[in-house]
Protein backbone atom coordinates (compact mmCIF):
# COMPACT_ATOMS: atom_id res chain seq x y z
CA UNK A 1 0.00 0.00 0.00
CA UNK A 2 1.33 3.42 -0.95
CA UNK A 3 1.49 6.13 1.66
CA UNK A 4 1.54 9.87 1.18
CA UNK A 5 2.44 12.70 3.51
CA UNK A 6 0.38 15.87 3.15
CA UNK A 7 1.18 19.32 4.49
CA UNK A 8 -1.79 21.66 4.39
CA UNK A 9 -1.86 25.25 5.60
CA UNK A 10 -5.27 26.56 6.65
CA UNK A 11 -6.35 29.64 8.53
CA UNK A 12 -9.40 31.54 9.68
CA UNK A 13 -12.75 29.78 9.55
CA UNK A 14 -11.25 26.58 8.14
CA UNK A 15 -8.76 26.35 10.99
CA UNK A 16 -11.51 26.97 13.54
CA UNK A 17 -13.67 24.29 11.94
CA UNK A 18 -10.86 21.72 12.09
CA UNK A 19 -10.15 22.66 15.70
CA UNK A 20 -13.81 22.04 16.55
CA UNK A 21 -13.74 18.63 14.84
CA UNK A 22 -10.53 17.45 16.54
CA UNK A 23 -9.61 16.96 20.19
CA UNK A 24 -11.54 16.39 23.39
CA UNK A 25 -14.75 18.02 22.16
CA UNK A 26 -14.46 16.83 18.56
CA UNK A 27 -15.28 13.58 16.84
CA UNK A 28 -11.66 12.90 15.85
CA UNK A 29 -8.52 12.39 17.92
CA UNK A 30 -6.24 14.20 15.50
CA UNK A 31 -6.18 16.11 12.22
CA UNK A 32 -4.86 13.11 10.27
CA UNK A 33 -7.86 11.04 11.32
CA UNK A 34 -10.19 13.86 10.28
CA UNK A 35 -8.53 14.25 6.87
CA UNK A 36 -8.69 10.49 6.24
CA UNK A 37 -12.40 10.60 7.11
CA UNK A 38 -12.98 13.46 4.65
CA UNK A 39 -11.11 11.62 1.89
CA UNK A 40 -13.16 8.46 2.49
CA UNK A 41 -16.38 10.48 2.37
CA UNK A 42 -15.26 12.13 -0.88
CA UNK A 43 -14.48 8.72 -2.36
CA UNK A 44 -17.89 7.42 -1.34
CA UNK A 45 -19.56 10.45 -2.92
CA UNK A 46 -17.62 9.94 -6.15
CA UNK A 47 -18.58 6.25 -6.25
CA UNK A 48 -22.22 7.10 -5.54
CA UNK A 49 -22.20 9.66 -8.36
CA UNK A 50 -20.72 7.13 -10.79
CA UNK A 51 -23.27 4.53 -9.72
CA UNK A 52 -26.12 7.01 -10.23
CA UNK A 53 -24.87 7.79 -13.74
CA UNK A 54 -24.58 4.09 -14.58
CA UNK A 55 -28.03 3.41 -13.13
CA UNK A 56 -29.53 6.22 -15.22
CA UNK A 57 -27.90 4.83 -18.37
CA UNK A 58 -29.18 1.33 -17.64
CA UNK A 59 -32.69 2.58 -16.87
CA UNK A 60 -32.69 4.44 -20.17
CA UNK A 61 -31.49 1.33 -22.02
CA UNK A 62 -34.08 -0.94 -20.38
CA UNK A 63 -36.85 1.57 -21.14
CA UNK A 64 -36.46 0.96 -24.88
CA UNK A 65 -39.36 -1.16 -26.19
CA UNK A 66 -38.48 -4.74 -27.05
CA UNK A 67 -39.44 -4.28 -30.72
CA UNK A 68 -36.70 -1.66 -31.15
CA UNK A 69 -33.94 -4.14 -30.33
CA UNK A 70 -32.04 -5.64 -33.22
CA UNK A 71 -30.06 -8.81 -33.33
CA UNK A 72 -26.28 -8.45 -33.54
CA UNK A 73 -23.36 -10.78 -33.76
CA UNK A 74 -19.95 -10.38 -32.24
CA UNK A 75 -18.52 -9.89 -35.71
CA UNK A 76 -20.94 -7.10 -36.65
CA UNK A 77 -20.24 -5.26 -33.40
CA UNK A 78 -16.47 -5.58 -33.85
CA UNK A 79 -16.77 -4.36 -37.45
CA UNK A 80 -18.49 -1.16 -36.29
CA UNK A 81 -15.51 -0.26 -34.13
CA UNK A 82 -12.76 -0.83 -36.69
PDB file of N, CA and C in Angstrom:
ATOM      1  N   UNK A   1       0.839  -1.174   0.000  1.00  0.00           N
ATOM      2  CA  UNK A   1       0.000   0.000   0.000  1.00  0.00           C
ATOM      3  C   UNK A   1       0.889   1.244   0.000  1.00  0.00           C
ATOM      4  N   UNK A   2       0.585   2.173  -0.891  1.00  0.00           N
ATOM      5  CA  UNK A   2       1.334   3.420  -0.952  1.00  0.00           C
ATOM      6  C   UNK A   2       0.885   4.356   0.155  1.00  0.00           C
ATOM      7  N   UNK A   3       1.828   5.110   0.675  1.00  0.00           N
ATOM      8  CA  UNK A   3       1.486   6.133   1.659  1.00  0.00           C
ATOM      9  C   UNK A   3       1.906   7.486   1.128  1.00  0.00           C
ATOM     10  N   UNK A   4       1.259   8.516   1.633  1.00  0.00           N
ATOM     11  CA  UNK A   4       1.540   9.871   1.183  1.00  0.00           C
ATOM     12  C   UNK A   4       1.506  10.780   2.401  1.00  0.00           C
ATOM     13  N   UNK A   5       2.436  11.701   2.458  1.00  0.00           N
ATOM     14  CA  UNK A   5       2.437  12.704   3.513  1.00  0.00           C
ATOM     15  C   UNK A   5       1.921  14.001   2.933  1.00  0.00           C
ATOM     16  N   UNK A   6       0.960  14.614   3.610  1.00  0.00           N
ATOM     17  CA  UNK A   6       0.383  15.874   3.148  1.00  0.00           C
ATOM     18  C   UNK A   6       0.689  16.973   4.154  1.00  0.00           C
ATOM     19  N   UNK A   7       1.039  18.131   3.656  1.00  0.00           N
ATOM     20  CA  UNK A   7       1.176  19.322   4.489  1.00  0.00           C
ATOM     21  C   UNK A   7       0.187  20.342   3.965  1.00  0.00           C
ATOM     22  N   UNK A   8      -0.746  20.744   4.815  1.00  0.00           N
ATOM     23  CA  UNK A   8      -1.793  21.664   4.388  1.00  0.00           C
ATOM     24  C   UNK A   8      -1.813  22.849   5.342  1.00  0.00           C
ATOM     25  N   UNK A   9      -1.796  24.043   4.782  1.00  0.00           N
ATOM     26  CA  UNK A   9      -1.864  25.251   5.595  1.00  0.00           C
ATOM     27  C   UNK A   9      -3.276  25.813   5.486  1.00  0.00           C
ATOM     28  N   UNK A  10      -3.935  25.966   6.624  1.00  0.00           N
ATOM     29  CA  UNK A  10      -5.270  26.557   6.646  1.00  0.00           C
ATOM     30  C   UNK A  10      -5.311  27.641   7.718  1.00  0.00           C
ATOM     31  N   UNK A  11      -6.214  28.577   7.542  1.00  0.00           N
ATOM     32  CA  UNK A  11      -6.347  29.644   8.533  1.00  0.00           C
ATOM     33  C   UNK A  11      -7.798  30.089   8.614  1.00  0.00           C
ATOM     34  N   UNK A  12      -8.070  30.955   9.551  1.00  0.00           N
ATOM     35  CA  UNK A  12      -9.396  31.538   9.679  1.00  0.00           C
ATOM     36  C   UNK A  12     -10.474  30.524   9.972  1.00  0.00           C
ATOM     37  N   UNK A  13     -11.602  30.655   9.286  1.00  0.00           N
ATOM     38  CA  UNK A  13     -12.749  29.776   9.554  1.00  0.00           C
ATOM     39  C   UNK A  13     -12.441  28.292   9.341  1.00  0.00           C
ATOM     40  N   UNK A  14     -11.592  27.989   8.367  1.00  0.00           N
ATOM     41  CA  UNK A  14     -11.248  26.577   8.141  1.00  0.00           C
ATOM     42  C   UNK A  14     -10.483  26.014   9.330  1.00  0.00           C
ATOM     43  N   UNK A  15      -9.539  26.784   9.831  1.00  0.00           N
ATOM     44  CA  UNK A  15      -8.760  26.353  10.988  1.00  0.00           C
ATOM     45  C   UNK A  15      -9.656  26.161  12.209  1.00  0.00           C
ATOM     46  N   UNK A  16     -10.581  27.079  12.411  1.00  0.00           N
ATOM     47  CA  UNK A  16     -11.510  26.972  13.538  1.00  0.00           C
ATOM     48  C   UNK A  16     -12.394  25.736  13.397  1.00  0.00           C
ATOM     49  N   UNK A  17     -12.820  25.456  12.187  1.00  0.00           N
ATOM     50  CA  UNK A  17     -13.669  24.287  11.943  1.00  0.00           C
ATOM     51  C   UNK A  17     -12.913  22.999  12.257  1.00  0.00           C
ATOM     52  N   UNK A  18     -11.674  22.912  11.808  1.00  0.00           N
ATOM     53  CA  UNK A  18     -10.862  21.723  12.088  1.00  0.00           C
ATOM     54  C   UNK A  18     -10.640  21.594  13.589  1.00  0.00           C
ATOM     55  N   UNK A  19     -10.360  22.697  14.254  1.00  0.00           N
ATOM     56  CA  UNK A  19     -10.148  22.663  15.702  1.00  0.00           C
ATOM     57  C   UNK A  19     -11.390  22.150  16.428  1.00  0.00           C
ATOM     58  N   UNK A  20     -12.568  22.523  15.940  1.00  0.00           N
ATOM     59  CA  UNK A  20     -13.814  22.039  16.547  1.00  0.00           C
ATOM     60  C   UNK A  20     -14.012  20.543  16.319  1.00  0.00           C
ATOM     61  N   UNK A  21     -13.536  20.037  15.195  1.00  0.00           N
ATOM     62  CA  UNK A  21     -13.737  18.629  14.842  1.00  0.00           C
ATOM     63  C   UNK A  21     -12.737  17.700  15.516  1.00  0.00           C
ATOM     64  N   UNK A  22     -11.626  18.252  16.013  1.00  0.00           N
ATOM     65  CA  UNK A  22     -10.525  17.451  16.545  1.00  0.00           C
ATOM     66  C   UNK A  22     -10.339  17.756  18.037  1.00  0.00           C
ATOM     67  N   UNK A  23      -9.931  16.745  18.781  1.00  0.00           N
ATOM     68  CA  UNK A  23      -9.610  16.958  20.190  1.00  0.00           C
ATOM     69  C   UNK A  23     -10.692  16.443  21.119  1.00  0.00           C
ATOM     70  N   UNK A  24     -10.635  16.887  22.358  1.00  0.00           N
ATOM     71  CA  UNK A  24     -11.545  16.389  23.392  1.00  0.00           C
ATOM     72  C   UNK A  24     -13.015  16.580  23.040  1.00  0.00           C
ATOM     73  N   UNK A  25     -13.352  17.732  22.475  1.00  0.00           N
ATOM     74  CA  UNK A  25     -14.752  18.018  22.159  1.00  0.00           C
ATOM     75  C   UNK A  25     -15.149  17.601  20.745  1.00  0.00           C
ATOM     76  N   UNK A  26     -14.181  17.188  19.940  1.00  0.00           N
ATOM     77  CA  UNK A  26     -14.462  16.829  18.557  1.00  0.00           C
ATOM     78  C   UNK A  26     -14.699  15.344  18.381  1.00  0.00           C
ATOM     79  N   UNK A  27     -15.032  14.985  17.164  1.00  0.00           N
ATOM     80  CA  UNK A  27     -15.281  13.580  16.840  1.00  0.00           C
ATOM     81  C   UNK A  27     -14.002  12.812  16.526  1.00  0.00           C
ATOM     82  N   UNK A  28     -12.904  13.530  16.292  1.00  0.00           N
ATOM     83  CA  UNK A  28     -11.662  12.903  15.851  1.00  0.00           C
ATOM     84  C   UNK A  28     -10.535  13.199  16.834  1.00  0.00           C
ATOM     85  N   UNK A  29      -9.639  12.219  16.990  1.00  0.00           N
ATOM     86  CA  UNK A  29      -8.521  12.394  17.917  1.00  0.00           C
ATOM     87  C   UNK A  29      -7.473  13.355  17.392  1.00  0.00           C
ATOM     88  N   UNK A  30      -7.268  13.334  16.068  1.00  0.00           N
ATOM     89  CA  UNK A  30      -6.237  14.200  15.496  1.00  0.00           C
ATOM     90  C   UNK A  30      -6.625  14.618  14.082  1.00  0.00           C
ATOM     91  N   UNK A  31      -5.874  15.561  13.546  1.00  0.00           N
ATOM     92  CA  UNK A  31      -6.179  16.108  12.223  1.00  0.00           C
ATOM     93  C   UNK A  31      -6.038  15.040  11.145  1.00  0.00           C
ATOM     94  N   UNK A  32      -5.053  14.168  11.268  1.00  0.00           N
ATOM     95  CA  UNK A  32      -4.864  13.111  10.266  1.00  0.00           C
ATOM     96  C   UNK A  32      -6.098  12.224  10.163  1.00  0.00           C
ATOM     97  N   UNK A  33      -6.657  11.874  11.309  1.00  0.00           N
ATOM     98  CA  UNK A  33      -7.861  11.040  11.322  1.00  0.00           C
ATOM     99  C   UNK A  33      -9.019  11.765  10.628  1.00  0.00           C
ATOM    100  N   UNK A  34      -9.130  13.050  10.893  1.00  0.00           N
ATOM    101  CA  UNK A  34     -10.190  13.860  10.280  1.00  0.00           C
ATOM    102  C   UNK A  34     -10.015  13.938   8.765  1.00  0.00           C
ATOM    103  N   UNK A  35      -8.799  14.161   8.312  1.00  0.00           N
ATOM    104  CA  UNK A  35      -8.530  14.253   6.872  1.00  0.00           C
ATOM    105  C   UNK A  35      -8.805  12.913   6.195  1.00  0.00           C
ATOM    106  N   UNK A  36      -8.396  11.813   6.814  1.00  0.00           N
ATOM    107  CA  UNK A  36      -8.692  10.489   6.243  1.00  0.00           C
ATOM    108  C   UNK A  36     -10.198  10.278   6.122  1.00  0.00           C
ATOM    109  N   UNK A  37     -10.940  10.700   7.149  1.00  0.00           N
ATOM    110  CA  UNK A  37     -12.402  10.599   7.113  1.00  0.00           C
ATOM    111  C   UNK A  37     -12.973  11.396   5.939  1.00  0.00           C
ATOM    112  N   UNK A  38     -12.491  12.620   5.752  1.00  0.00           N
ATOM    113  CA  UNK A  38     -12.977  13.461   4.654  1.00  0.00           C
ATOM    114  C   UNK A  38     -12.670  12.838   3.297  1.00  0.00           C
ATOM    115  N   UNK A  39     -11.488  12.261   3.162  1.00  0.00           N
ATOM    116  CA  UNK A  39     -11.109  11.623   1.893  1.00  0.00           C
ATOM    117  C   UNK A  39     -12.004  10.412   1.629  1.00  0.00           C
ATOM    118  N   UNK A  40     -12.260   9.613   2.660  1.00  0.00           N
ATOM    119  CA  UNK A  40     -13.158   8.458   2.491  1.00  0.00           C
ATOM    120  C   UNK A  40     -14.553   8.910   2.068  1.00  0.00           C
ATOM    121  N   UNK A  41     -15.061   9.956   2.716  1.00  0.00           N
ATOM    122  CA  UNK A  41     -16.384  10.480   2.366  1.00  0.00           C
ATOM    123  C   UNK A  41     -16.410  10.981   0.926  1.00  0.00           C
ATOM    124  N   UNK A  42     -15.346  11.644   0.496  1.00  0.00           N
ATOM    125  CA  UNK A  42     -15.262  12.130  -0.877  1.00  0.00           C
ATOM    126  C   UNK A  42     -15.253  10.960  -1.854  1.00  0.00           C
ATOM    127  N   UNK A  43     -14.499   9.913  -1.514  1.00  0.00           N
ATOM    128  CA  UNK A  43     -14.477   8.716  -2.359  1.00  0.00           C
ATOM    129  C   UNK A  43     -15.854   8.084  -2.463  1.00  0.00           C
ATOM    130  N   UNK A  44     -16.542   7.980  -1.340  1.00  0.00           N
ATOM    131  CA  UNK A  44     -17.894   7.416  -1.336  1.00  0.00           C
ATOM    132  C   UNK A  44     -18.837   8.248  -2.201  1.00  0.00           C
ATOM    133  N   UNK A  45     -18.710   9.568  -2.110  1.00  0.00           N
ATOM    134  CA  UNK A  45     -19.564  10.452  -2.915  1.00  0.00           C
ATOM    135  C   UNK A  45     -19.279  10.274  -4.400  1.00  0.00           C
ATOM    136  N   UNK A  46     -18.005  10.145  -4.751  1.00  0.00           N
ATOM    137  CA  UNK A  46     -17.622   9.938  -6.147  1.00  0.00           C
ATOM    138  C   UNK A  46     -18.179   8.613  -6.659  1.00  0.00           C
ATOM    139  N   UNK A  47     -18.048   7.556  -5.855  1.00  0.00           N
ATOM    140  CA  UNK A  47     -18.576   6.250  -6.250  1.00  0.00           C
ATOM    141  C   UNK A  47     -20.095   6.290  -6.383  1.00  0.00           C
ATOM    142  N   UNK A  48     -20.763   6.987  -5.472  1.00  0.00           N
ATOM    143  CA  UNK A  48     -22.224   7.097  -5.540  1.00  0.00           C
ATOM    144  C   UNK A  48     -22.649   7.855  -6.793  1.00  0.00           C
ATOM    145  N   UNK A  49     -21.898   8.883  -7.146  1.00  0.00           N
ATOM    146  CA  UNK A  49     -22.200   9.657  -8.359  1.00  0.00           C
ATOM    147  C   UNK A  49     -22.030   8.793  -9.604  1.00  0.00           C
ATOM    148  N   UNK A  50     -20.947   8.030  -9.653  1.00  0.00           N
ATOM    149  CA  UNK A  50     -20.718   7.135 -10.795  1.00  0.00           C
ATOM    150  C   UNK A  50     -21.812   6.080 -10.888  1.00  0.00           C
ATOM    151  N   UNK A  51     -22.208   5.534  -9.731  1.00  0.00           N
ATOM    152  CA  UNK A  51     -23.271   4.532  -9.718  1.00  0.00           C
ATOM    153  C   UNK A  51     -24.580   5.130 -10.219  1.00  0.00           C
ATOM    154  N   UNK A  52     -24.885   6.351  -9.790  1.00  0.00           N
ATOM    155  CA  UNK A  52     -26.120   7.011 -10.226  1.00  0.00           C
ATOM    156  C   UNK A  52     -26.117   7.226 -11.735  1.00  0.00           C
ATOM    157  N   UNK A  53     -24.967   7.609 -12.292  1.00  0.00           N
ATOM    158  CA  UNK A  53     -24.868   7.789 -13.741  1.00  0.00           C
ATOM    159  C   UNK A  53     -25.067   6.464 -14.469  1.00  0.00           C
ATOM    160  N   UNK A  54     -24.428   5.415 -13.972  1.00  0.00           N
ATOM    161  CA  UNK A  54     -24.578   4.090 -14.577  1.00  0.00           C
ATOM    162  C   UNK A  54     -26.024   3.616 -14.481  1.00  0.00           C
ATOM    163  N   UNK A  55     -26.635   3.803 -13.322  1.00  0.00           N
ATOM    164  CA  UNK A  55     -28.029   3.406 -13.126  1.00  0.00           C
ATOM    165  C   UNK A  55     -28.945   4.136 -14.097  1.00  0.00           C
ATOM    166  N   UNK A  56     -28.714   5.436 -14.290  1.00  0.00           N
ATOM    167  CA  UNK A  56     -29.535   6.218 -15.221  1.00  0.00           C
ATOM    168  C   UNK A  56     -29.376   5.703 -16.645  1.00  0.00           C
ATOM    169  N   UNK A  57     -28.141   5.374 -17.035  1.00  0.00           N
ATOM    170  CA  UNK A  57     -27.898   4.827 -18.372  1.00  0.00           C
ATOM    171  C   UNK A  57     -28.615   3.494 -18.552  1.00  0.00           C
ATOM    172  N   UNK A  58     -28.530   2.637 -17.541  1.00  0.00           N
ATOM    173  CA  UNK A  58     -29.183   1.330 -17.636  1.00  0.00           C
ATOM    174  C   UNK A  58     -30.702   1.465 -17.664  1.00  0.00           C
ATOM    175  N   UNK A  59     -31.243   2.369 -16.856  1.00  0.00           N
ATOM    176  CA  UNK A  59     -32.695   2.581 -16.868  1.00  0.00           C
ATOM    177  C   UNK A  59     -33.152   3.069 -18.236  1.00  0.00           C
ATOM    178  N   UNK A  60     -32.353   3.938 -18.828  1.00  0.00           N
ATOM    179  CA  UNK A  60     -32.686   4.440 -20.166  1.00  0.00           C
ATOM    180  C   UNK A  60     -32.641   3.294 -21.179  1.00  0.00           C
ATOM    181  N   UNK A  61     -31.627   2.450 -21.079  1.00  0.00           N
ATOM    182  CA  UNK A  61     -31.495   1.329 -22.015  1.00  0.00           C
ATOM    183  C   UNK A  61     -32.644   0.335 -21.856  1.00  0.00           C
ATOM    184  N   UNK A  62     -33.012   0.034 -20.615  1.00  0.00           N
ATOM    185  CA  UNK A  62     -34.082  -0.935 -20.385  1.00  0.00           C
ATOM    186  C   UNK A  62     -35.461  -0.364 -20.676  1.00  0.00           C
ATOM    187  N   UNK A  63     -35.563   0.938 -20.831  1.00  0.00           N
ATOM    188  CA  UNK A  63     -36.852   1.566 -21.140  1.00  0.00           C
ATOM    189  C   UNK A  63     -37.196   1.469 -22.625  1.00  0.00           C
ATOM    190  N   UNK A  64     -36.228   1.084 -23.442  1.00  0.00           N
ATOM    191  CA  UNK A  64     -36.459   0.957 -24.882  1.00  0.00           C
ATOM    192  C   UNK A  64     -37.385  -0.235 -25.126  1.00  0.00           C
ATOM    193  N   UNK A  65     -38.436  -0.052 -25.908  1.00  0.00           N
ATOM    194  CA  UNK A  65     -39.362  -1.159 -26.191  1.00  0.00           C
ATOM    195  C   UNK A  65     -38.645  -2.331 -26.866  1.00  0.00           C
ATOM    196  N   UNK A  66     -39.105  -3.515 -26.548  1.00  0.00           N
ATOM    197  CA  UNK A  66     -38.484  -4.744 -27.054  1.00  0.00           C
ATOM    198  C   UNK A  66     -38.420  -4.772 -28.580  1.00  0.00           C
ATOM    199  N   UNK A  67     -39.423  -4.227 -29.257  1.00  0.00           N
ATOM    200  CA  UNK A  67     -39.444  -4.285 -30.719  1.00  0.00           C
ATOM    201  C   UNK A  67     -38.402  -3.370 -31.369  1.00  0.00           C
ATOM    202  N   UNK A  68     -37.747  -2.529 -30.589  1.00  0.00           N
ATOM    203  CA  UNK A  68     -36.703  -1.663 -31.146  1.00  0.00           C
ATOM    204  C   UNK A  68     -35.313  -2.292 -31.057  1.00  0.00           C
ATOM    205  N   UNK A  69     -35.216  -3.430 -30.391  1.00  0.00           N
ATOM    206  CA  UNK A  69     -33.941  -4.136 -30.331  1.00  0.00           C
ATOM    207  C   UNK A  69     -33.668  -4.790 -31.676  1.00  0.00           C
ATOM    208  N   UNK A  70     -32.396  -4.918 -32.003  1.00  0.00           N
ATOM    209  CA  UNK A  70     -32.044  -5.641 -33.221  1.00  0.00           C
ATOM    210  C   UNK A  70     -30.964  -6.649 -32.885  1.00  0.00           C
ATOM    211  N   UNK A  71     -31.008  -7.744 -33.588  1.00  0.00           N
ATOM    212  CA  UNK A  71     -30.060  -8.812 -33.334  1.00  0.00           C
ATOM    213  C   UNK A  71     -28.689  -8.416 -33.873  1.00  0.00           C
ATOM    214  N   UNK A  72     -27.653  -8.751 -33.117  1.00  0.00           N
ATOM    215  CA  UNK A  72     -26.279  -8.445 -33.536  1.00  0.00           C
ATOM    216  C   UNK A  72     -25.403  -9.647 -33.251  1.00  0.00           C
ATOM    217  N   UNK A  73     -24.353  -9.734 -34.008  1.00  0.00           N
ATOM    218  CA  UNK A  73     -23.362 -10.777 -33.764  1.00  0.00           C
ATOM    219  C   UNK A  73     -22.088 -10.103 -33.264  1.00  0.00           C
ATOM    220  N   UNK A  74     -21.234 -10.898 -32.707  1.00  0.00           N
ATOM    221  CA  UNK A  74     -19.949 -10.378 -32.239  1.00  0.00           C
ATOM    222  C   UNK A  74     -19.206  -9.731 -33.397  1.00  0.00           C
ATOM    223  N   UNK A  75     -19.239 -10.375 -34.542  1.00  0.00           N
ATOM    224  CA  UNK A  75     -18.517  -9.886 -35.712  1.00  0.00           C
ATOM    225  C   UNK A  75     -19.050  -8.526 -36.179  1.00  0.00           C
ATOM    226  N   UNK A  76     -20.370  -8.376 -36.190  1.00  0.00           N
ATOM    227  CA  UNK A  76     -20.938  -7.104 -36.653  1.00  0.00           C
ATOM    228  C   UNK A  76     -20.612  -5.970 -35.680  1.00  0.00           C
ATOM    229  N   UNK A  77     -20.596  -6.286 -34.396  1.00  0.00           N
ATOM    230  CA  UNK A  77     -20.244  -5.265 -33.402  1.00  0.00           C
ATOM    231  C   UNK A  77     -18.781  -4.877 -33.546  1.00  0.00           C
ATOM    232  N   UNK A  78     -17.904  -5.855 -33.694  1.00  0.00           N
ATOM    233  CA  UNK A  78     -16.467  -5.580 -33.853  1.00  0.00           C
ATOM    234  C   UNK A  78     -16.211  -4.779 -35.125  1.00  0.00           C
ATOM    235  N   UNK A  79     -16.953  -5.071 -36.182  1.00  0.00           N
ATOM    236  CA  UNK A  79     -16.772  -4.362 -37.452  1.00  0.00           C
ATOM    237  C   UNK A  79     -17.124  -2.882 -37.313  1.00  0.00           C
ATOM    238  N   UNK A  80     -18.103  -2.562 -36.483  1.00  0.00           N
ATOM    239  CA  UNK A  80     -18.492  -1.155 -36.288  1.00  0.00           C
ATOM    240  C   UNK A  80     -17.393  -0.337 -35.622  1.00  0.00           C
ATOM    241  N   UNK A  81     -16.528  -0.986 -34.878  1.00  0.00           N
ATOM    242  CA  UNK A  81     -15.507  -0.264 -34.125  1.00  0.00           C
ATOM    243  C   UNK A  81     -14.125  -0.338 -34.760  1.00  0.00           C
ATOM    244  N   UNK A  82     -14.058  -0.780 -35.993  1.00  0.00           N
ATOM    245  CA  UNK A  82     -12.761  -0.826 -36.693  1.00  0.00           C
ATOM    246  C   UNK A  82     -12.482   0.479 -37.362  1.00  0.00           C
TER     247      UNK A  82
END
